[in-house]
Amino acid sequence: MTSLKLTAVGTSTGVVIPKEMLQRMKVGRGDYLHVAETAEGYVITPYDPTVDEQVEAGRDFMKRYRDTFRKLAE
């Protein structure tokens, strides 16, 4: 487990994330992290859950129209 220190950023509060954690999450300055509340607490992730929903909707669409896409590919 890693502890993160809260620090003042102007009139807000920020958190300092160690370089090693950023590398493992494959994120850097300017990227967004998403926070989800779970029964165990909060989860910080670089993955946007709305993108997952959109990808799943696209997969369902492609599965539904599989024959059409096959014909278009010819």
C-alpha atoms as a PDB file:
ATOM      1  CA  MET A   1       0.000   0.000   0.000  1.00  0.00           C
ATOM      2  CA  THR A   2       1.178   3.494  -0.833  1.00  0.00           C
ATOM      3  CA  SER A   3       0.304   6.637   1.090  1.00  0.00           C
ATOM      4  CA  LEU A   4      -0.384   9.834  -0.840  1.00  0.00           C
ATOM      5  CA  LYS A   5       0.151  13.286   0.630  1.00  0.00           C
ATOM      6  CA  LEU A   6      -2.432  16.037   0.228  1.00  0.00           C
ATOM      7  CA  THR A   7      -0.985  19.428  -0.594  1.00  0.00           C
ATOM      8  CA  ALA A   8      -2.277  22.946  -1.199  1.00  0.00           C
ATOM      9  CA  VAL A   9      -2.715  23.936  -4.851  1.00  0.00           C
ATOM     10  CA  GLY A  10      -3.881  27.532  -4.881  1.00  0.00           C
ATOM     11  CA  THR A  11      -7.176  27.544  -3.008  1.00  0.00           C
ATOM     12  CA  SER A  12      -7.743  23.832  -3.709  1.00  0.00           C
ATOM     13  CA  THR A  13      -6.205  20.637  -2.393  1.00  0.00           C
ATOM     14  CA  GLY A  14      -4.169  18.289  -4.592  1.00  0.00           C
ATOM     15  CA  VAL A  15      -2.495  14.949  -4.188  1.00  0.00           C
ATOM     16  CA  VAL A  16       1.056  14.056  -5.162  1.00  0.00           C
ATOM     17  CA  ILE A  17       1.216  10.747  -7.038  1.00  0.00           C
ATOM     18  CA  PRO A  18       4.646   9.107  -7.157  1.00  0.00           C
ATOM     19  CA  LYS A  19       6.318   8.754 -10.544  1.00  0.00           C
ATOM     20  CA  GLU A  20       6.307   4.958 -10.283  1.00  0.00           C
ATOM     21  CA  MET A  21       2.515   4.878  -9.836  1.00  0.00           C
ATOM     22  CA  LEU A  22       2.011   7.166 -12.828  1.00  0.00           C
ATOM     23  CA  GLN A  23       4.226   4.930 -14.963  1.00  0.00           C
ATOM     24  CA  ARG A  24       2.314   1.800 -13.946  1.00  0.00           C
ATOM     25  CA  MET A  25      -1.000   3.497 -14.763  1.00  0.00           C
ATOM     26  CA  LYS A  26       0.533   4.777 -18.052  1.00  0.00           C
ATOM     27  CA  VAL A  27      -0.565   8.344 -17.391  1.00  0.00           C
ATOM     28  CA  GLY A  28       1.233  11.635 -17.202  1.00  0.00           C
ATOM     29  CA  ARG A  29       0.767  15.354 -16.760  1.00  0.00           C
ATOM     30  CA  GLY A  30      -2.449  16.518 -18.435  1.00  0.00           C
ATOM     31  CA  ASP A  31      -4.145  13.091 -18.447  1.00  0.00           C
ATOM     32  CA  TYR A  32      -7.372  12.460 -16.574  1.00  0.00           C
ATOM     33  CA  LEU A  33      -7.916   9.999 -13.741  1.00  0.00           C
ATOM     34  CA  HIS A  34     -11.419   8.820 -12.877  1.00  0.00           C
ATOM     35  CA  VAL A  35     -12.620   8.145  -9.344  1.00  0.00           C
ATOM     36  CA  ALA A  36     -15.309   5.563  -8.582  1.00  0.00           C
ATOM     37  CA  GLU A  37     -16.843   4.953  -5.170  1.00  0.00           C
ATOM     38  CA  THR A  38     -17.090   1.274  -4.205  1.00  0.00           C
ATOM     39  CA  ALA A  39     -18.163  -0.577  -1.075  1.00  0.00           C
ATOM     40  CA  GLU A  40     -14.487  -0.778  -0.032  1.00  0.00           C
ATOM     41  CA  GLY A  41     -13.746   2.907  -0.645  1.00  0.00           C
ATOM     42  CA  TYR A  42     -12.608   4.847  -3.699  1.00  0.00           C
ATOM     43  CA  VAL A  43     -10.869   3.532  -6.820  1.00  0.00           C
ATOM     44  CA  ILE A  44      -8.681   5.811  -8.937  1.00  0.00           C
ATOM     45  CA  THR A  45      -8.287   4.639 -12.527  1.00  0.00           C
ATOM     46  CA  PRO A  46      -7.170   6.062 -15.876  1.00  0.00           C
ATOM     47  CA  TYR A  47     -10.045   4.231 -17.611  1.00  0.00           C
ATOM     48  CA  ASP A  48     -13.241   6.165 -18.302  1.00  0.00           C
ATOM     49  CA  PRO A  49     -16.274   3.959 -17.593  1.00  0.00           C
ATOM     50  CA  THR A  50     -18.366   5.826 -20.193  1.00  0.00           C
ATOM     51  CA  VAL A  51     -15.887   4.778 -22.903  1.00  0.00           C
ATOM     52  CA  ASP A  52     -16.335   1.138 -21.840  1.00  0.00           C
ATOM     53  CA  GLU A  53     -20.104   1.534 -22.259  1.00  0.00           C
ATOM     54  CA  GLN A  54     -19.628   3.023 -25.734  1.00  0.00           C
ATOM     55  CA  VAL A  55     -17.246   0.238 -26.791  1.00  0.00           C
ATOM     56  CA  GLU A  56     -19.693  -2.397 -25.564  1.00  0.00           C
ATOM     57  CA  ALA A  57     -22.539  -0.720 -27.472  1.00  0.00           C
ATOM     58  CA  GLY A  58     -20.359  -0.752 -30.611  1.00  0.00           C
ATOM     59  CA  ARG A  59     -19.582  -4.433 -30.162  1.00  0.00           C
ATOM     60  CA  ASP A  60     -23.288  -5.237 -29.765  1.00  0.00           C
ATOM     61  CA  PHE A  61     -24.045  -3.236 -32.921  1.00  0.00           C
ATOM     62  CA  MET A  62     -21.346  -5.019 -34.916  1.00  0.00           C
ATOM     63  CA  LYS A  63     -22.533  -8.398 -33.663  1.00  0.00           C
ATOM     64  CA  ARG A  64     -26.111  -7.600 -34.635  1.00  0.00           C
ATOM     65  CA  TYR A  65     -25.113  -6.513 -38.155  1.00  0.00           C
ATOM     66  CA  ARG A  66     -22.280  -9.012 -38.657  1.00  0.00           C
ATOM     67  CA  ASP A  67     -23.538 -10.154 -42.076  1.00  0.00           C
ATOM     68  CA  THR A  68     -23.862  -6.570 -43.293  1.00  0.00           C
ATOM     69  CA  PHE A  69     -20.298  -5.755 -42.247  1.00  0.00           C
ATOM     70  CA  ARG A  70     -19.067  -8.938 -43.939  1.00  0.00           C
ATOM     71  CA  LYS A  71     -20.735  -7.889 -47.225  1.00  0.00           C
ATOM     72  CA  LEU A  72     -19.308  -4.373 -46.943  1.00  0.00           C
ATOM     73  CA  ALA A  73     -15.830  -5.817 -46.472  1.00  0.00           C
ATOM     74  CA  GLU A  74     -15.984  -7.645 -49.831  1.00  0.00           C
END
